[in-house]
Amino acid sequence: MPKEKILIVDDEQDIVELVRYNLSREGYQTITSLSGEDAISKARSKLPELIILDLMLPGLDGLEVCKMLRADNKTARIPIIMLTAKSEESDIVTGLEVGADDYVVKPFSPRVLVSRVKTILRRRTSAVTEDQTVIKLNDIVIDPMRHEVSVKGRQIDLTFTEFRILQTLAGRPGVVFSRYQIVDAIRGSDYPVTDRSVDVQIVSLRKKLGSAGRHIETVRSVGYKFRD
């Protein structure tokens, strides 16, 4: 059976072809784009299962593309791997803050990128077969089957990563999870993580939940828990 569709966005044709070649070898369907504007159009019309998005695009850059995709209900939950030539933590954090699920720094190993793609898609698929019990805590309702979260009846748009973090914490209220346990639950133990990247996702999640975000508590020097 054909594998998932992946949209590759980069203004450098050589990089697009490198990524396309390696993904095609693994059986994935590929869609390519050389600009941010075209990427948004193709994401909305083709609805890929994952997007590989370069940060430094001319015109509409990768950050703006990511923001626009996250603001559109049709594309809000598509996982995004950000490609960046910048290795500074601040640039990576900015990408995560606007909704990227993962990042790979250029120059990169095609094998590493393909591994990241497989990990995200595997986790996305496995989420469907895991416990699908609706979680109702305080004013928050988490519906894994529909991949929906609501607070006081108002639906909240979360990225795939934010949803999985909330589901992990709320699924075991009162239990303290370290940052590495959280990453392992949503991406696998082979994912290289920094404390800062987990914290950024938590900050974004709390902000989207509004007043209900107070139920996610920081446990100093350990990690996070959902208030029981």
Protein backbone atom coordinates (compact mmCIF):
# COMPACT_ATOMS: atom_id res chain seq x y z
CA MET A 1 0.00 0.00 0.00
CA PRO A 2 1.26 3.51 -0.72
CA LYS A 3 2.75 5.32 2.24
CA GLU A 4 1.86 8.78 3.51
CA LYS A 5 2.13 11.97 1.48
CA ILE A 6 4.86 14.38 2.56
CA LEU A 7 5.16 17.99 1.44
CA ILE A 8 8.78 19.19 1.08
CA VAL A 9 9.27 22.96 1.14
CA ASP A 10 12.66 24.54 0.42
CA ASP A 11 13.84 27.21 -2.02
CA GLU A 12 17.00 25.22 -2.80
CA GLN A 13 16.19 22.73 -5.57
CA ASP A 14 19.15 20.50 -4.66
CA ILE A 15 17.87 20.06 -1.10
CA VAL A 16 14.33 19.41 -2.31
CA GLU A 17 15.60 16.69 -4.63
CA LEU A 18 17.82 15.17 -1.92
CA VAL A 19 14.93 14.93 0.51
CA ARG A 20 12.48 13.77 -2.15
CA TYR A 21 14.85 11.02 -3.33
CA ASN A 22 15.44 9.63 0.16
CA LEU A 23 11.76 9.70 1.11
CA SER A 24 10.74 8.10 -2.19
CA ARG A 25 13.20 5.28 -1.54
CA GLU A 26 11.26 4.56 1.65
CA GLY A 27 8.02 4.42 -0.29
CA TYR A 28 6.59 7.80 0.72
CA GLN A 29 4.63 9.92 -1.73
CA THR A 30 6.18 13.36 -2.08
CA ILE A 31 4.92 16.81 -3.02
CA THR A 32 7.44 19.62 -3.49
CA SER A 33 7.33 23.38 -3.23
CA LEU A 34 9.93 26.13 -3.61
CA SER A 35 8.08 28.99 -1.91
CA GLY A 36 5.99 29.70 1.15
CA GLU A 37 2.96 30.88 -0.80
CA ASP A 38 2.92 27.75 -2.96
CA ALA A 39 3.47 25.56 0.11
CA ILE A 40 0.34 26.91 1.81
CA SER A 41 -1.70 26.34 -1.34
CA LYS A 42 -0.48 22.76 -1.72
CA ALA A 43 -0.90 21.98 1.98
CA ARG A 44 -4.55 23.06 1.81
CA SER A 45 -5.33 21.26 -1.44
CA LYS A 46 -3.28 18.06 -1.00
CA LEU A 47 -3.53 17.68 2.81
CA PRO A 48 -0.24 15.80 3.32
CA GLU A 49 0.33 13.67 6.42
CA LEU A 50 3.53 15.61 7.22
CA ILE A 51 5.34 18.77 6.08
CA ILE A 52 9.10 19.34 5.94
CA LEU A 53 9.46 23.13 6.00
CA ASP A 54 12.59 25.25 5.51
CA LEU A 55 12.81 28.19 7.91
CA MET A 56 14.69 30.56 5.59
CA LEU A 57 12.38 30.97 2.60
CA PRO A 58 12.36 34.16 0.48
CA GLY A 59 9.22 36.25 0.72
CA LEU A 60 6.89 34.40 3.06
CA ASP A 61 9.36 32.66 5.39
CA GLY A 62 8.96 29.34 7.16
CA LEU A 63 7.79 30.88 10.44
CA GLU A 64 4.96 32.74 8.72
CA VAL A 65 4.03 29.64 6.75
CA CYS A 66 3.90 27.64 9.97
CA LYS A 67 1.70 30.25 11.66
CA MET A 68 -0.72 30.31 8.74
CA LEU A 69 -0.96 26.52 8.56
CA ARG A 70 -1.64 26.32 12.30
CA ALA A 71 -4.36 28.98 12.01
CA ASP A 72 -6.23 27.02 9.32
CA ASN A 73 -8.50 24.23 10.61
CA LYS A 74 -7.73 22.12 7.52
CA THR A 75 -3.97 22.10 8.16
CA ALA A 76 -3.69 22.87 11.88
CA ARG A 77 -2.90 19.31 12.94
CA ILE A 78 -0.45 18.33 10.20
CA PRO A 79 2.94 17.60 11.83
CA ILE A 80 5.70 19.96 10.70
CA ILE A 81 9.44 19.29 10.74
CA MET A 82 11.34 22.55 10.48
CA LEU A 83 14.60 22.68 8.51
CA THR A 84 16.91 25.46 9.66
CA ALA A 85 20.43 26.55 8.81
CA LYS A 86 20.48 28.33 12.15
CA SER A 87 21.54 26.22 15.11
CA GLU A 88 21.03 28.88 17.78
CA GLU A 89 18.57 27.78 20.45
CA SER A 90 16.54 30.98 20.06
CA ASP A 91 15.75 30.20 16.40
CA ILE A 92 14.74 26.64 17.22
CA VAL A 93 12.59 27.82 20.13
CA THR A 94 10.87 30.37 17.88
CA GLY A 95 10.00 27.61 15.41
CA LEU A 96 8.56 25.43 18.17
CA GLU A 97 6.61 28.38 19.57
CA VAL A 98 4.78 28.97 16.28
CA GLY A 99 3.80 25.32 16.04
CA ALA A 100 6.60 23.18 14.55
CA ASP A 101 6.65 19.65 15.95
CA ASP A 102 10.32 18.93 15.35
CA TYR A 103 13.45 20.46 13.84
CA VAL A 104 16.53 19.37 11.89
CA VAL A 105 19.55 21.65 11.53
CA LYS A 106 21.32 22.01 8.17
CA PRO A 107 23.55 20.47 7.00
CA PHE A 108 21.71 17.29 7.90
CA SER A 109 22.00 13.58 7.30
CA PRO A 110 19.19 12.31 5.03
CA ARG A 111 19.06 9.16 7.17
CA VAL A 112 18.47 11.22 10.29
CA LEU A 113 15.72 13.22 8.60
CA VAL A 114 13.99 10.07 7.34
CA SER A 115 14.25 8.61 10.84
CA ARG A 116 12.55 11.71 12.29
CA VAL A 117 9.80 11.43 9.66
CA LYS A 118 9.20 7.78 10.50
CA THR A 119 9.12 8.52 14.23
CA ILE A 120 6.53 11.28 13.95
CA LEU A 121 4.31 9.32 11.56
CA ARG A 122 4.61 6.17 13.67
CA ARG A 123 3.62 8.07 16.80
CA ARG A 124 0.76 9.71 14.97
CA THR A 125 -0.51 6.33 13.78
CA SER A 126 -0.01 4.60 17.12
CA ALA A 127 -2.01 7.32 18.84
CA VAL A 128 -5.06 6.00 16.98
CA THR A 129 -4.62 2.50 18.41
CA GLU A 130 -3.79 3.56 21.96
CA ASP A 131 -6.30 4.19 24.74
CA GLN A 132 -9.08 6.21 23.14
CA THR A 133 -11.05 6.87 26.31
CA VAL A 134 -12.45 10.38 26.51
CA ILE A 135 -10.79 12.25 29.39
CA LYS A 136 -12.89 14.72 31.38
CA LEU A 137 -11.05 16.69 34.05
CA ASN A 138 -12.22 19.97 35.54
CA ASP A 139 -13.34 22.06 32.54
CA ILE A 140 -11.24 20.14 30.02
CA VAL A 141 -12.53 17.40 27.71
CA ILE A 142 -9.99 15.42 25.65
CA ASP A 143 -11.38 13.20 22.88
CA PRO A 144 -8.57 11.05 21.38
CA MET A 145 -10.81 9.52 18.69
CA ARG A 146 -11.70 12.94 17.31
CA HIS A 147 -8.35 14.44 18.29
CA GLU A 148 -10.27 17.31 19.89
CA VAL A 149 -9.87 19.29 23.10
CA SER A 150 -12.46 21.62 24.55
CA VAL A 151 -12.51 23.91 27.58
CA LYS A 152 -15.97 24.82 28.92
CA GLY A 153 -17.41 23.66 25.61
CA ARG A 154 -15.07 25.79 23.50
CA GLN A 155 -12.88 23.82 21.10
CA ILE A 156 -9.13 24.44 21.37
CA ASP A 157 -6.85 23.97 18.35
CA LEU A 158 -3.69 22.12 19.39
CA THR A 159 -0.78 20.82 17.37
CA PHE A 160 -0.19 17.07 17.35
CA THR A 161 2.61 17.46 19.89
CA GLU A 162 0.58 19.71 22.21
CA PHE A 163 -2.34 17.29 22.09
CA ARG A 164 -0.14 14.31 22.98
CA ILE A 165 1.48 16.18 25.87
CA LEU A 166 -1.92 17.09 27.30
CA GLN A 167 -3.23 13.56 26.79
CA THR A 168 -0.16 12.11 28.51
CA LEU A 169 -0.37 14.39 31.55
CA ALA A 170 -4.16 14.36 31.93
CA GLY A 171 -4.27 10.60 31.41
CA ARG A 172 -2.49 10.15 34.75
CA PRO A 173 -3.43 13.14 36.92
CA GLY A 174 -1.16 13.72 39.87
CA VAL A 175 1.73 11.73 38.35
CA VAL A 176 4.90 13.74 37.78
CA PHE A 177 6.50 13.29 34.35
CA SER A 178 10.07 14.32 33.67
CA ARG A 179 10.73 16.17 30.42
CA TYR A 180 12.35 13.07 28.97
CA GLN A 181 9.37 10.90 29.92
CA ILE A 182 7.10 13.36 28.13
CA VAL A 183 9.23 13.24 24.99
CA ASP A 184 9.41 9.44 25.13
CA ALA A 185 5.61 9.28 25.34
CA ILE A 186 5.06 11.42 22.26
CA ARG A 187 8.12 10.88 20.06
CA GLY A 188 10.13 7.92 21.29
CA SER A 189 13.28 7.51 23.31
CA ASP A 190 15.54 8.13 20.29
CA TYR A 191 14.46 11.76 19.98
CA PRO A 192 17.19 14.27 20.96
CA VAL A 193 15.54 16.83 23.25
CA THR A 194 16.49 19.85 25.29
CA ASP A 195 14.75 21.00 28.44
CA ARG A 196 13.95 24.26 26.71
CA SER A 197 12.05 22.65 23.81
CA VAL A 198 9.71 20.81 26.21
CA ASP A 199 9.17 23.97 28.24
CA VAL A 200 8.25 25.89 25.08
CA GLN A 201 5.56 23.33 24.22
CA ILE A 202 4.15 23.53 27.76
CA VAL A 203 4.05 27.34 27.65
CA SER A 204 2.18 27.23 24.33
CA LEU A 205 -0.23 24.59 25.63
CA ARG A 206 -1.04 26.58 28.78
CA LYS A 207 -1.63 29.71 26.72
CA LYS A 208 -4.08 27.95 24.42
CA LEU A 209 -5.95 26.39 27.35
CA GLY A 210 -6.42 29.82 28.95
CA SER A 211 -7.49 29.68 32.59
CA ALA A 212 -7.57 25.86 32.41
CA GLY A 213 -3.82 25.93 31.77
CA ARG A 214 -3.30 26.33 35.52
CA HIS A 215 -4.03 22.60 35.91
CA ILE A 216 -0.64 21.83 34.31
CA GLU A 217 1.76 22.32 37.18
CA THR A 218 5.53 22.69 37.08
CA VAL A 219 7.36 20.46 39.53
CA ARG A 220 10.63 22.24 40.13
CA SER A 221 13.76 20.39 39.01
CA VAL A 222 11.66 17.40 37.92
CA GLY A 223 9.07 18.10 35.23
CA TYR A 224 5.31 18.53 34.99
CA LYS A 225 2.06 17.06 36.26
CA PHE A 226 -1.66 17.53 35.74
CA ARG A 227 -3.33 18.63 38.96
CA ASP A 228 -5.54 15.83 40.31
